N, C-alpha and C. Protein backbone atom coordinates (compact mmCIF):
# COMPACT_ATOMS: atom_id res chain seq x y z
N MET A 1 101.50 92.50 107.18
CA MET A 1 100.83 91.81 106.10
C MET A 1 100.81 92.75 104.89
N LYS A 2 101.49 92.37 103.82
CA LYS A 2 101.55 93.19 102.61
C LYS A 2 100.33 92.91 101.74
N THR A 3 99.86 93.97 101.10
CA THR A 3 98.74 93.83 100.19
C THR A 3 99.30 93.73 98.78
N PRO A 4 99.02 92.63 98.06
CA PRO A 4 99.56 92.47 96.70
C PRO A 4 99.13 93.62 95.79
N GLY A 5 100.08 94.08 94.96
CA GLY A 5 99.78 95.13 94.00
C GLY A 5 99.72 96.53 94.59
N VAL A 6 100.06 96.68 95.86
CA VAL A 6 100.03 97.98 96.50
C VAL A 6 101.47 98.44 96.70
N ASN A 7 101.80 99.59 96.08
CA ASN A 7 103.18 100.07 96.11
C ASN A 7 103.35 101.47 96.67
N THR A 8 102.25 102.20 96.87
CA THR A 8 102.34 103.57 97.36
C THR A 8 101.34 103.77 98.51
N PRO A 9 101.53 104.81 99.31
CA PRO A 9 100.55 105.09 100.35
C PRO A 9 99.13 105.30 99.80
N ASP A 10 99.00 105.99 98.68
CA ASP A 10 97.67 106.21 98.09
C ASP A 10 97.03 104.88 97.66
N GLU A 11 97.83 103.99 97.08
CA GLU A 11 97.30 102.67 96.69
C GLU A 11 96.89 101.87 97.93
N TYR A 12 97.65 102.01 99.00
CA TYR A 12 97.32 101.31 100.24
C TYR A 12 95.95 101.77 100.73
N VAL A 13 95.75 103.07 100.80
CA VAL A 13 94.47 103.60 101.28
C VAL A 13 93.34 103.16 100.35
N ALA A 14 93.59 103.19 99.04
CA ALA A 14 92.56 102.78 98.08
C ALA A 14 92.21 101.30 98.20
N SER A 15 93.08 100.50 98.79
CA SER A 15 92.83 99.06 98.92
C SER A 15 91.94 98.73 100.13
N ILE A 16 91.64 99.71 100.94
CA ILE A 16 90.86 99.51 102.17
C ILE A 16 89.40 99.86 101.89
N ASP A 17 88.48 99.27 102.63
CA ASP A 17 87.07 99.60 102.42
C ASP A 17 86.34 99.74 103.75
N GLY A 18 85.08 100.18 103.64
CA GLY A 18 84.19 100.23 104.80
C GLY A 18 84.64 101.20 105.87
N TRP A 19 84.33 100.83 107.11
CA TRP A 19 84.63 101.70 108.25
C TRP A 19 86.13 101.93 108.40
N ARG A 20 86.94 100.93 107.99
CA ARG A 20 88.39 101.05 108.11
C ARG A 20 88.91 102.15 107.18
N LEU A 21 88.35 102.24 105.97
CA LEU A 21 88.76 103.28 105.04
C LEU A 21 88.49 104.67 105.62
N GLU A 22 87.31 104.85 106.17
CA GLU A 22 86.95 106.14 106.76
C GLU A 22 87.92 106.51 107.89
N LEU A 23 88.23 105.54 108.75
CA LEU A 23 89.14 105.79 109.86
C LEU A 23 90.56 106.06 109.39
N VAL A 24 91.06 105.26 108.45
CA VAL A 24 92.42 105.45 107.94
C VAL A 24 92.54 106.82 107.28
N ARG A 25 91.55 107.22 106.50
CA ARG A 25 91.59 108.55 105.87
C ARG A 25 91.64 109.65 106.92
N SER A 26 90.85 109.51 107.96
CA SER A 26 90.82 110.52 109.03
C SER A 26 92.17 110.58 109.76
N LEU A 27 92.70 109.41 110.12
CA LEU A 27 93.99 109.38 110.81
C LEU A 27 95.11 109.95 109.93
N ARG A 28 95.09 109.58 108.67
CA ARG A 28 96.12 110.05 107.74
C ARG A 28 96.09 111.58 107.62
N LYS A 29 94.91 112.13 107.50
CA LYS A 29 94.75 113.59 107.40
C LYS A 29 95.26 114.26 108.68
N THR A 30 94.92 113.68 109.82
CA THR A 30 95.35 114.22 111.11
C THR A 30 96.86 114.18 111.27
N VAL A 31 97.46 113.07 110.90
CA VAL A 31 98.92 112.92 111.02
C VAL A 31 99.62 113.92 110.11
N ARG A 32 99.15 114.05 108.89
CA ARG A 32 99.77 114.98 107.94
C ARG A 32 99.70 116.42 108.44
N ALA A 33 98.64 116.76 109.16
CA ALA A 33 98.49 118.11 109.70
C ALA A 33 99.32 118.32 110.97
N ALA A 34 99.71 117.23 111.63
CA ALA A 34 100.40 117.32 112.91
C ALA A 34 101.89 117.67 112.79
N GLY A 35 102.48 117.39 111.65
CA GLY A 35 103.91 117.67 111.48
C GLY A 35 104.37 117.23 110.11
N PRO A 36 105.52 117.74 109.69
CA PRO A 36 106.03 117.39 108.35
C PRO A 36 106.70 116.02 108.32
N PHE A 37 105.90 115.00 108.55
CA PHE A 37 106.39 113.63 108.48
C PHE A 37 106.68 113.25 107.04
N GLU A 38 107.56 112.26 106.87
CA GLU A 38 107.71 111.61 105.57
C GLU A 38 106.84 110.36 105.63
N GLU A 39 105.90 110.26 104.72
CA GLU A 39 104.98 109.13 104.69
C GLU A 39 105.51 108.08 103.71
N GLN A 40 105.57 106.83 104.17
CA GLN A 40 106.03 105.74 103.32
C GLN A 40 105.12 104.53 103.50
N LEU A 41 105.07 103.73 102.45
CA LEU A 41 104.46 102.41 102.58
C LEU A 41 105.63 101.48 102.91
N LYS A 42 105.65 101.01 104.15
CA LYS A 42 106.75 100.18 104.62
C LYS A 42 106.17 99.08 105.48
N TRP A 43 106.73 97.89 105.37
CA TRP A 43 106.27 96.73 106.15
C TRP A 43 104.78 96.45 105.91
N GLY A 44 104.27 96.86 104.74
CA GLY A 44 102.90 96.56 104.37
C GLY A 44 101.85 97.53 104.89
N HIS A 45 102.26 98.67 105.46
CA HIS A 45 101.29 99.65 105.96
C HIS A 45 101.92 101.05 105.93
N LEU A 46 101.15 102.03 106.36
CA LEU A 46 101.63 103.41 106.37
C LEU A 46 102.54 103.63 107.56
N VAL A 47 103.74 104.17 107.29
CA VAL A 47 104.68 104.50 108.35
C VAL A 47 105.10 105.95 108.14
N TYR A 48 105.14 106.69 109.23
CA TYR A 48 105.47 108.11 109.20
C TYR A 48 106.81 108.31 109.91
N PHE A 49 107.73 108.95 109.18
CA PHE A 49 109.09 109.12 109.65
C PHE A 49 109.40 110.58 109.95
N HIS A 50 110.16 110.78 111.00
CA HIS A 50 110.84 112.04 111.31
C HIS A 50 111.98 111.66 112.24
N ASN A 51 113.20 111.76 111.75
CA ASN A 51 114.36 111.25 112.51
C ASN A 51 114.14 109.78 112.86
N GLY A 52 113.72 108.99 111.89
CA GLY A 52 113.42 107.58 112.11
C GLY A 52 111.91 107.37 112.17
N PRO A 53 111.49 106.13 112.30
CA PRO A 53 110.05 105.86 112.34
C PRO A 53 109.43 106.46 113.60
N ALA A 54 108.27 107.09 113.43
CA ALA A 54 107.60 107.74 114.55
C ALA A 54 106.25 107.08 114.84
N LEU A 55 105.48 106.80 113.78
CA LEU A 55 104.17 106.21 113.98
C LEU A 55 103.73 105.43 112.76
N LEU A 56 102.69 104.62 112.94
CA LEU A 56 102.16 103.81 111.85
C LEU A 56 100.64 103.79 111.89
N ILE A 57 100.08 103.53 110.73
CA ILE A 57 98.64 103.27 110.59
C ILE A 57 98.54 101.97 109.79
N ARG A 58 97.90 100.97 110.37
CA ARG A 58 97.78 99.67 109.70
C ARG A 58 96.35 99.18 109.77
N ALA A 59 95.76 98.96 108.60
CA ALA A 59 94.41 98.41 108.53
C ALA A 59 94.50 96.90 108.41
N GLU A 60 93.78 96.21 109.28
CA GLU A 60 93.68 94.76 109.25
C GLU A 60 92.20 94.41 109.07
N PRO A 61 91.88 93.17 108.79
CA PRO A 61 90.47 92.83 108.50
C PRO A 61 89.47 93.27 109.58
N GLU A 62 89.84 93.19 110.84
CA GLU A 62 88.89 93.50 111.92
C GLU A 62 89.25 94.73 112.74
N ARG A 63 90.37 95.38 112.40
CA ARG A 63 90.80 96.52 113.22
C ARG A 63 91.72 97.44 112.43
N VAL A 64 91.94 98.63 113.00
CA VAL A 64 92.95 99.56 112.50
C VAL A 64 93.88 99.84 113.67
N LEU A 65 95.18 99.71 113.42
CA LEU A 65 96.16 99.99 114.45
C LEU A 65 96.77 101.37 114.22
N TYR A 66 96.86 102.13 115.28
CA TYR A 66 97.50 103.45 115.28
C TYR A 66 98.63 103.30 116.30
N GLY A 67 99.85 103.08 115.79
CA GLY A 67 100.95 102.70 116.67
C GLY A 67 102.08 103.70 116.67
N PHE A 68 102.84 103.68 117.77
CA PHE A 68 103.87 104.68 117.99
C PHE A 68 105.15 104.07 118.52
N TRP A 69 106.26 104.35 117.84
CA TRP A 69 107.56 104.07 118.41
C TRP A 69 107.64 105.03 119.60
N ARG A 70 108.14 104.58 120.70
CA ARG A 70 108.19 105.35 121.96
C ARG A 70 106.80 105.69 122.49
N GLY A 71 105.80 104.99 122.05
CA GLY A 71 104.42 105.27 122.45
C GLY A 71 104.15 105.03 123.92
N GLN A 72 104.99 104.25 124.59
CA GLN A 72 104.78 104.02 126.02
C GLN A 72 104.95 105.32 126.80
N GLN A 73 105.57 106.31 126.19
CA GLN A 73 105.70 107.63 126.81
C GLN A 73 104.43 108.45 126.66
N PHE A 74 103.47 107.97 125.87
CA PHE A 74 102.27 108.76 125.56
C PHE A 74 101.01 108.25 126.25
N LEU A 75 101.17 107.38 127.22
CA LEU A 75 100.01 106.77 127.88
C LEU A 75 99.11 107.80 128.56
N GLU A 76 99.69 108.92 128.98
CA GLU A 76 98.85 109.95 129.60
C GLU A 76 97.96 110.65 128.57
N LEU A 77 98.36 110.60 127.29
CA LEU A 77 97.53 111.20 126.23
C LEU A 77 96.38 110.27 125.84
N GLU A 78 96.64 108.96 125.88
CA GLU A 78 95.63 107.97 125.49
C GLU A 78 95.88 106.69 126.27
N PRO A 79 95.12 106.49 127.36
CA PRO A 79 95.35 105.32 128.20
C PRO A 79 95.05 103.98 127.54
N ARG A 80 94.35 103.97 126.40
CA ARG A 80 94.07 102.70 125.71
C ARG A 80 95.27 102.18 124.92
N LEU A 81 96.35 102.94 124.84
CA LEU A 81 97.55 102.46 124.16
C LEU A 81 98.05 101.21 124.85
N LYS A 82 98.37 100.20 124.04
CA LYS A 82 98.86 98.92 124.59
C LYS A 82 100.36 98.82 124.34
N PRO A 83 101.15 98.80 125.41
CA PRO A 83 102.60 98.67 125.24
C PRO A 83 102.96 97.29 124.68
N GLY A 84 104.04 97.27 123.92
CA GLY A 84 104.53 96.00 123.41
C GLY A 84 105.56 96.19 122.32
N GLY A 85 106.47 95.27 122.22
CA GLY A 85 107.47 95.31 121.16
C GLY A 85 108.69 96.13 121.53
N LYS A 86 109.57 96.25 120.56
CA LYS A 86 110.81 97.00 120.74
C LYS A 86 110.54 98.49 120.72
N TYR A 87 111.52 99.25 121.09
CA TYR A 87 111.54 100.72 120.95
C TYR A 87 110.42 101.41 121.73
N ASP A 88 110.01 100.85 122.86
CA ASP A 88 108.93 101.42 123.67
C ASP A 88 107.62 101.57 122.87
N MET A 89 107.40 100.66 121.94
CA MET A 89 106.19 100.72 121.11
C MET A 89 104.93 100.67 121.97
N ALA A 90 103.91 101.34 121.48
CA ALA A 90 102.57 101.22 122.05
C ALA A 90 101.59 101.45 120.90
N THR A 91 100.50 100.70 120.91
CA THR A 91 99.56 100.71 119.80
C THR A 91 98.13 100.85 120.30
N LEU A 92 97.36 101.62 119.57
CA LEU A 92 95.94 101.76 119.84
C LEU A 92 95.20 100.84 118.86
N ASP A 93 94.45 99.91 119.39
CA ASP A 93 93.70 98.93 118.61
C ASP A 93 92.27 99.46 118.46
N LEU A 94 91.94 99.89 117.25
CA LEU A 94 90.62 100.49 117.00
C LEU A 94 89.75 99.52 116.20
N ARG A 95 88.59 99.23 116.74
CA ARG A 95 87.64 98.30 116.11
C ARG A 95 86.41 99.08 115.65
N GLU A 96 85.63 98.45 114.82
CA GLU A 96 84.42 99.11 114.32
C GLU A 96 83.58 99.59 115.51
N GLY A 97 83.19 100.86 115.46
CA GLY A 97 82.40 101.45 116.53
C GLY A 97 83.23 102.18 117.57
N ASP A 98 84.54 101.92 117.63
CA ASP A 98 85.40 102.65 118.56
C ASP A 98 85.57 104.09 118.08
N SER A 99 85.84 104.97 119.02
CA SER A 99 86.06 106.36 118.62
C SER A 99 87.42 106.84 119.12
N LEU A 100 87.97 107.78 118.39
CA LEU A 100 89.20 108.47 118.75
C LEU A 100 89.03 109.89 118.25
N SER A 101 89.06 110.83 119.15
CA SER A 101 88.85 112.22 118.73
C SER A 101 90.04 112.71 117.90
N VAL A 102 89.77 113.63 117.02
CA VAL A 102 90.83 114.24 116.21
C VAL A 102 91.83 114.91 117.15
N LYS A 103 91.35 115.49 118.23
CA LYS A 103 92.22 116.17 119.18
C LYS A 103 93.25 115.20 119.77
N VAL A 104 92.81 114.02 120.20
CA VAL A 104 93.72 113.02 120.78
C VAL A 104 94.62 112.43 119.69
N ALA A 105 94.06 112.10 118.54
CA ALA A 105 94.87 111.56 117.44
C ALA A 105 95.97 112.54 117.05
N SER A 106 95.64 113.81 117.02
CA SER A 106 96.62 114.85 116.69
C SER A 106 97.67 115.00 117.79
N ALA A 107 97.23 114.99 119.04
CA ALA A 107 98.18 115.11 120.16
C ALA A 107 99.18 113.96 120.14
N LEU A 108 98.72 112.76 119.83
CA LEU A 108 99.62 111.60 119.75
C LEU A 108 100.63 111.77 118.61
N ALA A 109 100.16 112.18 117.45
CA ALA A 109 101.05 112.36 116.30
C ALA A 109 102.07 113.47 116.59
N LYS A 110 101.63 114.56 117.20
CA LYS A 110 102.57 115.64 117.55
C LYS A 110 103.59 115.17 118.58
N ALA A 111 103.16 114.38 119.54
CA ALA A 111 104.08 113.85 120.55
C ALA A 111 105.12 112.96 119.89
N ALA A 112 104.70 112.15 118.93
CA ALA A 112 105.64 111.27 118.23
C ALA A 112 106.66 112.09 117.44
N TYR A 113 106.19 113.12 116.77
CA TYR A 113 107.07 114.00 116.00
C TYR A 113 108.08 114.68 116.92
N GLU A 114 107.56 115.29 117.98
CA GLU A 114 108.41 116.05 118.90
C GLU A 114 109.41 115.15 119.64
N THR A 115 108.99 113.94 119.98
CA THR A 115 109.89 113.02 120.67
C THR A 115 111.04 112.61 119.76
N ASN A 116 110.74 112.32 118.50
CA ASN A 116 111.82 111.98 117.57
C ASN A 116 112.69 113.20 117.25
N GLU A 117 112.09 114.36 117.25
CA GLU A 117 112.86 115.60 117.03
C GLU A 117 113.89 115.76 118.16
N ARG A 118 113.46 115.51 119.37
CA ARG A 118 114.30 115.70 120.55
C ARG A 118 115.31 114.56 120.74
N LEU A 119 114.86 113.31 120.53
CA LEU A 119 115.70 112.15 120.88
C LEU A 119 116.31 111.42 119.68
N GLY A 120 115.86 111.74 118.47
CA GLY A 120 116.41 111.08 117.29
C GLY A 120 115.73 109.75 117.00
N ASP A 121 116.35 109.00 116.14
CA ASP A 121 115.80 107.73 115.67
C ASP A 121 115.67 106.73 116.82
N PRO A 122 114.46 106.24 117.07
CA PRO A 122 114.30 105.31 118.19
C PRO A 122 115.08 104.00 118.01
N ARG A 123 115.36 103.64 116.76
CA ARG A 123 116.10 102.40 116.54
C ARG A 123 117.55 102.52 116.99
N SER A 124 118.15 103.72 116.85
CA SER A 124 119.54 103.85 117.30
C SER A 124 119.64 104.19 118.77
N ALA A 125 118.57 104.73 119.33
CA ALA A 125 118.59 105.10 120.74
C ALA A 125 118.23 103.92 121.64
N ALA A 126 117.72 102.87 121.05
CA ALA A 126 117.30 101.71 121.85
C ALA A 126 118.51 101.05 122.47
N PRO A 127 118.35 100.55 123.69
CA PRO A 127 119.47 99.83 124.30
C PRO A 127 119.85 98.65 123.42
N SER A 128 121.13 98.37 123.39
CA SER A 128 121.56 97.26 122.54
C SER A 128 120.96 95.97 123.07
N ALA A 129 120.78 95.09 122.16
CA ALA A 129 120.17 93.81 122.51
C ALA A 129 121.07 93.05 123.47
N LYS A 130 120.44 92.29 124.32
CA LYS A 130 121.22 91.47 125.25
C LYS A 130 121.98 90.43 124.44
N PRO A 131 123.19 90.14 124.84
CA PRO A 131 123.90 89.09 124.10
C PRO A 131 123.18 87.77 124.24
N ARG A 132 123.16 87.05 123.16
CA ARG A 132 122.50 85.75 123.19
C ARG A 132 123.29 84.79 124.04
N ARG A 133 122.55 83.99 124.79
CA ARG A 133 123.21 82.94 125.56
C ARG A 133 123.60 81.83 124.61
N LYS A 134 124.74 81.28 124.85
CA LYS A 134 125.14 80.15 124.03
C LYS A 134 124.29 78.96 124.41
N LYS A 135 123.91 78.24 123.40
CA LYS A 135 123.17 77.00 123.66
C LYS A 135 124.16 76.02 124.24
N PRO A 136 123.72 75.26 125.21
CA PRO A 136 124.65 74.27 125.74
C PRO A 136 125.04 73.32 124.62
N SER A 137 126.31 73.03 124.56
CA SER A 137 126.74 72.14 123.49
C SER A 137 126.24 70.73 123.78
N ALA A 138 126.00 70.05 122.69
CA ALA A 138 125.51 68.68 122.83
C ALA A 138 126.58 67.84 123.51
N PRO A 139 126.14 66.95 124.36
CA PRO A 139 127.15 66.11 125.03
C PRO A 139 127.91 65.30 124.00
N LYS A 140 129.16 65.16 124.27
CA LYS A 140 129.98 64.37 123.35
C LYS A 140 129.55 62.92 123.48
N PRO A 141 129.61 62.21 122.37
CA PRO A 141 129.21 60.80 122.46
C PRO A 141 130.10 60.08 123.47
N ALA A 142 129.46 59.25 124.21
CA ALA A 142 130.21 58.51 125.23
C ALA A 142 131.25 57.63 124.55
N THR A 143 132.40 57.64 125.12
CA THR A 143 133.43 56.77 124.57
C THR A 143 133.25 55.39 125.18
N LYS A 144 133.56 54.44 124.38
CA LYS A 144 133.42 53.07 124.88
C LYS A 144 134.48 52.85 125.94
N PRO A 145 134.09 52.19 126.99
CA PRO A 145 135.12 51.91 128.01
C PRO A 145 136.17 51.00 127.40
N PRO A 146 137.37 51.14 127.86
CA PRO A 146 138.41 50.28 127.29
C PRO A 146 138.06 48.82 127.50
N ARG A 147 138.40 48.05 126.52
CA ARG A 147 138.09 46.62 126.63
C ARG A 147 138.92 46.01 127.76
N ALA A 148 138.26 45.21 128.46
CA ALA A 148 139.00 44.51 129.53
C ALA A 148 139.94 43.51 128.89
N LYS A 149 141.10 43.42 129.47
CA LYS A 149 142.07 42.45 128.93
C LYS A 149 141.55 41.05 129.25
N PRO A 150 141.67 40.18 128.32
CA PRO A 150 141.19 38.83 128.60
C PRO A 150 141.98 38.21 129.76
N LYS A 151 141.25 37.50 130.56
CA LYS A 151 141.90 36.83 131.71
C LYS A 151 142.76 35.69 131.18
N PRO A 152 143.93 35.53 131.80
CA PRO A 152 144.76 34.39 131.33
C PRO A 152 144.10 33.08 131.72
N ARG A 153 144.23 32.11 130.89
CA ARG A 153 143.59 30.82 131.13
C ARG A 153 144.46 29.89 131.81
């Protein structure tokens, strides 16, 4: 979900309010300290790159998502990560009142950085998509049976 009039990571953060702003600021600071990521506003939220996309921070009306390409490999660091999507994605769904220690947030960001450092861009390392099955072709219209020859009278 893109926020109108928001074109930079700083503008994105400035567009957030309340508990989400506090959490996004904390996560952003932690990620920046965890490794020399390239921070971009992409797909309507903060995305951190190192050899391809590594992690994201996305504020939504009722939650903040802290998500990781290849995050399914990080379940031992944070068991609340929910697997889903392409590229072994896993996301932590944080709601008002939820907590995430700086230590765990940092460990996740470092794992994302180190995994992309070791394995490269998750988009190119992903198994190729399965070939699409062809849709069954529509049945050909039935041909009219040949007309019966008129019986001789």
